[in-house]
């Protein structure tokens, strides 16, 4: 994931920062507990495509 792109991308719901999870290829919003998938190198920033993070899942930085 391009570092410059990570600097400008924010959560589409709360406009908060995102954490890149390299292992799962997701961008995670800690505030909304949503994980947006990255497919073919392109972040899918749609709420309908996001995975809700279970309460017991730790967010890795």
PDB file of N, CA and C in Angstrom:
ATOM      1  N   UNK A   1       0.848  -1.179   0.000  1.00  0.00           N
ATOM      2  CA  UNK A   1       0.000   0.000   0.000  1.00  0.00           C
ATOM      3  C   UNK A   1       0.889   1.236   0.000  1.00  0.00           C
ATOM      4  N   UNK A   2       0.610   2.150  -0.871  1.00  0.00           N
ATOM      5  CA  UNK A   2       1.408   3.362  -1.017  1.00  0.00           C
ATOM      6  C   UNK A   2       1.258   4.260   0.223  1.00  0.00           C
ATOM      7  N   UNK A   3       2.372   4.644   0.817  1.00  0.00           N
ATOM      8  CA  UNK A   3       2.371   5.462   2.036  1.00  0.00           C
ATOM      9  C   UNK A   3       1.718   6.821   1.806  1.00  0.00           C
ATOM     10  N   UNK A   4       1.923   7.410   0.653  1.00  0.00           N
ATOM     11  CA  UNK A   4       1.317   8.716   0.345  1.00  0.00           C
ATOM     12  C   UNK A   4      -0.208   8.601   0.298  1.00  0.00           C
ATOM     13  N   UNK A   5      -0.703   7.510  -0.269  1.00  0.00           N
ATOM     14  CA  UNK A   5      -2.148   7.296  -0.338  1.00  0.00           C
ATOM     15  C   UNK A   5      -2.721   7.105   1.061  1.00  0.00           C
ATOM     16  N   UNK A   6      -2.012   6.372   1.911  1.00  0.00           N
ATOM     17  CA  UNK A   6      -2.458   6.168   3.290  1.00  0.00           C
ATOM     18  C   UNK A   6      -2.571   7.478   4.057  1.00  0.00           C
ATOM     19  N   UNK A   7      -1.722   8.427   3.749  1.00  0.00           N
ATOM     20  CA  UNK A   7      -1.748   9.719   4.425  1.00  0.00           C
ATOM     21  C   UNK A   7      -3.021  10.503   4.124  1.00  0.00           C
ATOM     22  N   UNK A   8      -3.578  10.341   2.934  1.00  0.00           N
ATOM     23  CA  UNK A   8      -4.742  11.148   2.551  1.00  0.00           C
ATOM     24  C   UNK A   8      -6.074  10.418   2.698  1.00  0.00           C
ATOM     25  N   UNK A   9      -6.050   9.086   2.762  1.00  0.00           N
ATOM     26  CA  UNK A   9      -7.301   8.342   2.916  1.00  0.00           C
ATOM     27  C   UNK A   9      -7.819   8.443   4.346  1.00  0.00           C
ATOM     28  N   UNK A  10      -9.135   8.619   4.474  1.00  0.00           N
ATOM     29  CA  UNK A  10      -9.791   8.641   5.777  1.00  0.00           C
ATOM     30  C   UNK A  10     -11.042   7.772   5.699  1.00  0.00           C
ATOM     31  N   UNK A  11     -11.588   7.449   6.840  1.00  0.00           N
ATOM     32  CA  UNK A  11     -12.825   6.680   6.896  1.00  0.00           C
ATOM     33  C   UNK A  11     -13.944   7.509   6.244  1.00  0.00           C
ATOM     34  N   UNK A  12     -14.700   6.924   5.335  1.00  0.00           N
ATOM     35  CA  UNK A  12     -15.774   7.684   4.687  1.00  0.00           C
ATOM     36  C   UNK A  12     -16.928   8.037   5.631  1.00  0.00           C
ATOM     37  N   UNK A  13     -17.023   7.359   6.764  1.00  0.00           N
ATOM     38  CA  UNK A  13     -18.109   7.652   7.703  1.00  0.00           C
ATOM     39  C   UNK A  13     -17.745   8.744   8.694  1.00  0.00           C
ATOM     40  N   UNK A  14     -16.639   8.558   9.412  1.00  0.00           N
ATOM     41  CA  UNK A  14     -16.289   9.495  10.487  1.00  0.00           C
ATOM     42  C   UNK A  14     -15.158  10.441  10.110  1.00  0.00           C
ATOM     43  N   UNK A  15     -14.543  10.221   8.956  1.00  0.00           N
ATOM     44  CA  UNK A  15     -13.403  11.020   8.477  1.00  0.00           C
ATOM     45  C   UNK A  15     -12.168  10.858   9.353  1.00  0.00           C
ATOM     46  N   UNK A  16     -12.139   9.779  10.139  1.00  0.00           N
ATOM     47  CA  UNK A  16     -11.002   9.489  11.005  1.00  0.00           C
ATOM     48  C   UNK A  16      -9.892   8.768  10.261  1.00  0.00           C
ATOM     49  N   UNK A  17      -8.733   8.636  10.910  1.00  0.00           N
ATOM     50  CA  UNK A  17      -7.587   7.971  10.284  1.00  0.00           C
ATOM     51  C   UNK A  17      -7.812   6.469  10.128  1.00  0.00           C
ATOM     52  N   UNK A  18      -7.083   5.884   9.203  1.00  0.00           N
ATOM     53  CA  UNK A  18      -7.169   4.451   8.941  1.00  0.00           C
ATOM     54  C   UNK A  18      -5.842   3.782   9.245  1.00  0.00           C
ATOM     55  N   UNK A  19      -5.915   2.527   9.680  1.00  0.00           N
ATOM     56  CA  UNK A  19      -4.730   1.723   9.962  1.00  0.00           C
ATOM     57  C   UNK A  19      -4.637   0.638   8.898  1.00  0.00           C
ATOM     58  N   UNK A  20      -3.465   0.497   8.297  1.00  0.00           N
ATOM     59  CA  UNK A  20      -3.259  -0.518   7.259  1.00  0.00           C
ATOM     60  C   UNK A  20      -2.906  -1.848   7.905  1.00  0.00           C
ATOM     61  N   UNK A  21      -3.706  -2.874   7.621  1.00  0.00           N
ATOM     62  CA  UNK A  21      -3.419  -4.237   8.081  1.00  0.00           C
ATOM     63  C   UNK A  21      -2.870  -5.000   6.881  1.00  0.00           C
ATOM     64  N   UNK A  22      -1.556  -5.133   6.848  1.00  0.00           N
ATOM     65  CA  UNK A  22      -0.863  -5.754   5.715  1.00  0.00           C
ATOM     66  C   UNK A  22      -1.239  -7.226   5.548  1.00  0.00           C
ATOM     67  N   UNK A  23      -1.442  -7.936   6.652  1.00  0.00           N
ATOM     68  CA  UNK A  23      -1.747  -9.365   6.582  1.00  0.00           C
ATOM     69  C   UNK A  23      -3.124  -9.647   5.993  1.00  0.00           C
ATOM     70  N   UNK A  24      -4.094  -8.830   6.333  1.00  0.00           N
ATOM     71  CA  UNK A  24      -5.463  -9.047   5.853  1.00  0.00           C
ATOM     72  C   UNK A  24      -5.814  -8.195   4.639  1.00  0.00           C
ATOM     73  N   UNK A  25      -4.897  -7.313   4.232  1.00  0.00           N
ATOM     74  CA  UNK A  25      -5.143  -6.378   3.130  1.00  0.00           C
ATOM     75  C   UNK A  25      -6.433  -5.589   3.373  1.00  0.00           C
ATOM     76  N   UNK A  26      -6.424  -4.866   4.488  1.00  0.00           N
ATOM     77  CA  UNK A  26      -7.572  -4.049   4.874  1.00  0.00           C
ATOM     78  C   UNK A  26      -7.095  -2.712   5.427  1.00  0.00           C
ATOM     79  N   UNK A  27      -7.963  -1.721   5.310  1.00  0.00           N
ATOM     80  CA  UNK A  27      -7.772  -0.443   5.981  1.00  0.00           C
ATOM     81  C   UNK A  27      -8.799  -0.388   7.093  1.00  0.00           C
ATOM     82  N   UNK A  28      -8.345  -0.172   8.319  1.00  0.00           N
ATOM     83  CA  UNK A  28      -9.210  -0.294   9.484  1.00  0.00           C
ATOM     84  C   UNK A  28      -9.460   1.068  10.122  1.00  0.00           C
ATOM     85  N   UNK A  29     -10.729   1.323  10.403  1.00  0.00           N
ATOM     86  CA  UNK A  29     -11.129   2.494  11.170  1.00  0.00           C
ATOM     87  C   UNK A  29     -11.376   2.012  12.594  1.00  0.00           C
ATOM     88  N   UNK A  30     -10.511   2.449  13.521  1.00  0.00           N
ATOM     89  CA  UNK A  30     -10.652   2.023  14.914  1.00  0.00           C
ATOM     90  C   UNK A  30     -11.921   2.600  15.540  1.00  0.00           C
ATOM     91  N   UNK A  31     -12.282   3.820  15.191  1.00  0.00           N
ATOM     92  CA  UNK A  31     -13.447   4.479  15.765  1.00  0.00           C
ATOM     93  C   UNK A  31     -14.749   3.780  15.424  1.00  0.00           C
ATOM     94  N   UNK A  32     -14.924   3.435  14.146  1.00  0.00           N
ATOM     95  CA  UNK A  32     -16.157   2.777  13.700  1.00  0.00           C
ATOM     96  C   UNK A  32     -16.065   1.255  13.741  1.00  0.00           C
ATOM     97  N   UNK A  33     -14.853   0.733  14.007  1.00  0.00           N
ATOM     98  CA  UNK A  33     -14.594  -0.710  14.030  1.00  0.00           C
ATOM     99  C   UNK A  33     -15.040  -1.359  12.711  1.00  0.00           C
ATOM    100  N   UNK A  34     -14.583  -0.746  11.619  1.00  0.00           N
ATOM    101  CA  UNK A  34     -14.852  -1.265  10.279  1.00  0.00           C
ATOM    102  C   UNK A  34     -13.525  -1.497   9.564  1.00  0.00           C
ATOM    103  N   UNK A  35     -13.490  -2.553   8.740  1.00  0.00           N
ATOM    104  CA  UNK A  35     -12.311  -2.880   7.947  1.00  0.00           C
ATOM    105  C   UNK A  35     -12.691  -2.840   6.469  1.00  0.00           C
ATOM    106  N   UNK A  36     -12.061  -1.931   5.749  1.00  0.00           N
ATOM    107  CA  UNK A  36     -12.321  -1.775   4.325  1.00  0.00           C
ATOM    108  C   UNK A  36     -11.323  -2.626   3.539  1.00  0.00           C
ATOM    109  N   UNK A  37     -11.809  -3.463   2.628  1.00  0.00           N
ATOM    110  CA  UNK A  37     -10.907  -4.356   1.889  1.00  0.00           C
ATOM    111  C   UNK A  37     -10.079  -3.613   0.842  1.00  0.00           C
ATOM    112  N   UNK A  38      -8.909  -4.183   0.558  1.00  0.00           N
ATOM    113  CA  UNK A  38      -8.060  -3.699  -0.529  1.00  0.00           C
ATOM    114  C   UNK A  38      -8.025  -4.825  -1.552  1.00  0.00           C
ATOM    115  N   UNK A  39      -8.562  -4.560  -2.729  1.00  0.00           N
ATOM    116  CA  UNK A  39      -8.627  -5.579  -3.784  1.00  0.00           C
ATOM    117  C   UNK A  39      -7.789  -5.128  -4.979  1.00  0.00           C
ATOM    118  N   UNK A  40      -6.870  -5.970  -5.392  1.00  0.00           N
ATOM    119  CA  UNK A  40      -5.981  -5.653  -6.514  1.00  0.00           C
ATOM    120  C   UNK A  40      -5.271  -4.317  -6.302  1.00  0.00           C
ATOM    121  N   UNK A  41      -4.908  -4.042  -5.045  1.00  0.00           N
ATOM    122  CA  UNK A  41      -4.185  -2.822  -4.721  1.00  0.00           C
ATOM    123  C   UNK A  41      -5.049  -1.578  -4.597  1.00  0.00           C
ATOM    124  N   UNK A  42      -6.369  -1.741  -4.720  1.00  0.00           N
ATOM    125  CA  UNK A  42      -7.281  -0.594  -4.675  1.00  0.00           C
ATOM    126  C   UNK A  42      -8.179  -0.684  -3.444  1.00  0.00           C
ATOM    127  N   UNK A  43      -8.126   0.319  -2.557  1.00  0.00           N
ATOM    128  CA  UNK A  43      -8.999   0.308  -1.384  1.00  0.00           C
ATOM    129  C   UNK A  43     -10.463   0.476  -1.799  1.00  0.00           C
ATOM    130  N   UNK A  44     -11.328  -0.338  -1.236  1.00  0.00           N
ATOM    131  CA  UNK A  44     -12.763  -0.255  -1.489  1.00  0.00           C
ATOM    132  C   UNK A  44     -13.381   0.470  -0.303  1.00  0.00           C
ATOM    133  N   UNK A  45     -13.610   1.760  -0.458  1.00  0.00           N
ATOM    134  CA  UNK A  45     -14.031   2.608   0.649  1.00  0.00           C
ATOM    135  C   UNK A  45     -15.546   2.776   0.700  1.00  0.00           C
ATOM    136  N   UNK A  46     -16.254   1.675   0.657  1.00  0.00           N
ATOM    137  CA  UNK A  46     -17.717   1.682   0.731  1.00  0.00           C
ATOM    138  C   UNK A  46     -18.159   0.987   2.006  1.00  0.00           C
ATOM    139  N   UNK A  47     -19.083   1.614   2.736  1.00  0.00           N
ATOM    140  CA  UNK A  47     -19.574   1.022   3.978  1.00  0.00           C
ATOM    141  C   UNK A  47     -20.184  -0.356   3.716  1.00  0.00           C
ATOM    142  N   UNK A  48     -20.864  -0.512   2.592  1.00  0.00           N
ATOM    143  CA  UNK A  48     -21.510  -1.785   2.266  1.00  0.00           C
ATOM    144  C   UNK A  48     -20.507  -2.911   2.028  1.00  0.00           C
ATOM    145  N   UNK A  49     -19.257  -2.578   1.707  1.00  0.00           N
ATOM    146  CA  UNK A  49     -18.215  -3.567   1.463  1.00  0.00           C
ATOM    147  C   UNK A  49     -17.342  -3.812   2.695  1.00  0.00           C
ATOM    148  N   UNK A  50     -17.494  -2.973   3.713  1.00  0.00           N
ATOM    149  CA  UNK A  50     -16.648  -3.062   4.908  1.00  0.00           C
ATOM    150  C   UNK A  50     -17.067  -4.231   5.790  1.00  0.00           C
ATOM    151  N   UNK A  51     -16.081  -4.759   6.498  1.00  0.00           N
ATOM    152  CA  UNK A  51     -16.309  -5.837   7.459  1.00  0.00           C
ATOM    153  C   UNK A  51     -16.354  -5.227   8.847  1.00  0.00           C
ATOM    154  N   UNK A  52     -17.389  -5.582   9.607  1.00  0.00           N
ATOM    155  CA  UNK A  52     -17.463  -5.112  10.988  1.00  0.00           C
ATOM    156  C   UNK A  52     -16.483  -5.916  11.834  1.00  0.00           C
ATOM    157  N   UNK A  53     -15.732  -5.223  12.656  1.00  0.00           N
ATOM    158  CA  UNK A  53     -14.760  -5.893  13.516  1.00  0.00           C
ATOM    159  C   UNK A  53     -15.447  -6.367  14.791  1.00  0.00           C
ATOM    160  N   UNK A  54     -15.311  -7.645  15.122  1.00  0.00           N
ATOM    161  CA  UNK A  54     -15.870  -8.142  16.384  1.00  0.00           C
ATOM    162  C   UNK A  54     -15.208  -7.440  17.556  1.00  0.00           C
ATOM    163  N   UNK A  55     -15.927  -7.347  18.660  1.00  0.00           N
ATOM    164  CA  UNK A  55     -15.419  -6.656  19.852  1.00  0.00           C
ATOM    165  C   UNK A  55     -14.113  -7.260  20.359  1.00  0.00           C
ATOM    166  N   UNK A  56     -13.930  -8.569  20.154  1.00  0.00           N
ATOM    167  CA  UNK A  56     -12.724  -9.240  20.672  1.00  0.00           C
ATOM    168  C   UNK A  56     -11.550  -9.211  19.684  1.00  0.00           C
ATOM    169  N   UNK A  57     -11.736  -8.653  18.499  1.00  0.00           N
ATOM    170  CA  UNK A  57     -10.643  -8.598  17.528  1.00  0.00           C
ATOM    171  C   UNK A  57      -9.781  -7.371  17.788  1.00  0.00           C
ATOM    172  N   UNK A  58      -8.496  -7.626  17.980  1.00  0.00           N
ATOM    173  CA  UNK A  58      -7.546  -6.543  18.237  1.00  0.00           C
ATOM    174  C   UNK A  58      -7.156  -5.884  16.922  1.00  0.00           C
ATOM    175  N   UNK A  59      -7.102  -4.571  16.941  1.00  0.00           N
ATOM    176  CA  UNK A  59      -6.676  -3.820  15.765  1.00  0.00           C
ATOM    177  C   UNK A  59      -5.166  -3.697  15.785  1.00  0.00           C
ATOM    178  N   UNK A  60      -4.526  -4.240  14.758  1.00  0.00           N
ATOM    179  CA  UNK A  60      -3.066  -4.194  14.682  1.00  0.00           C
ATOM    180  C   UNK A  60      -2.641  -2.941  13.936  1.00  0.00           C
ATOM    181  N   UNK A  61      -1.604  -2.309  14.422  1.00  0.00           N
ATOM    182  CA  UNK A  61      -1.114  -1.100  13.745  1.00  0.00           C
ATOM    183  C   UNK A  61       0.027  -1.431  12.815  1.00  0.00           C
TER     184      UNK A  61
END
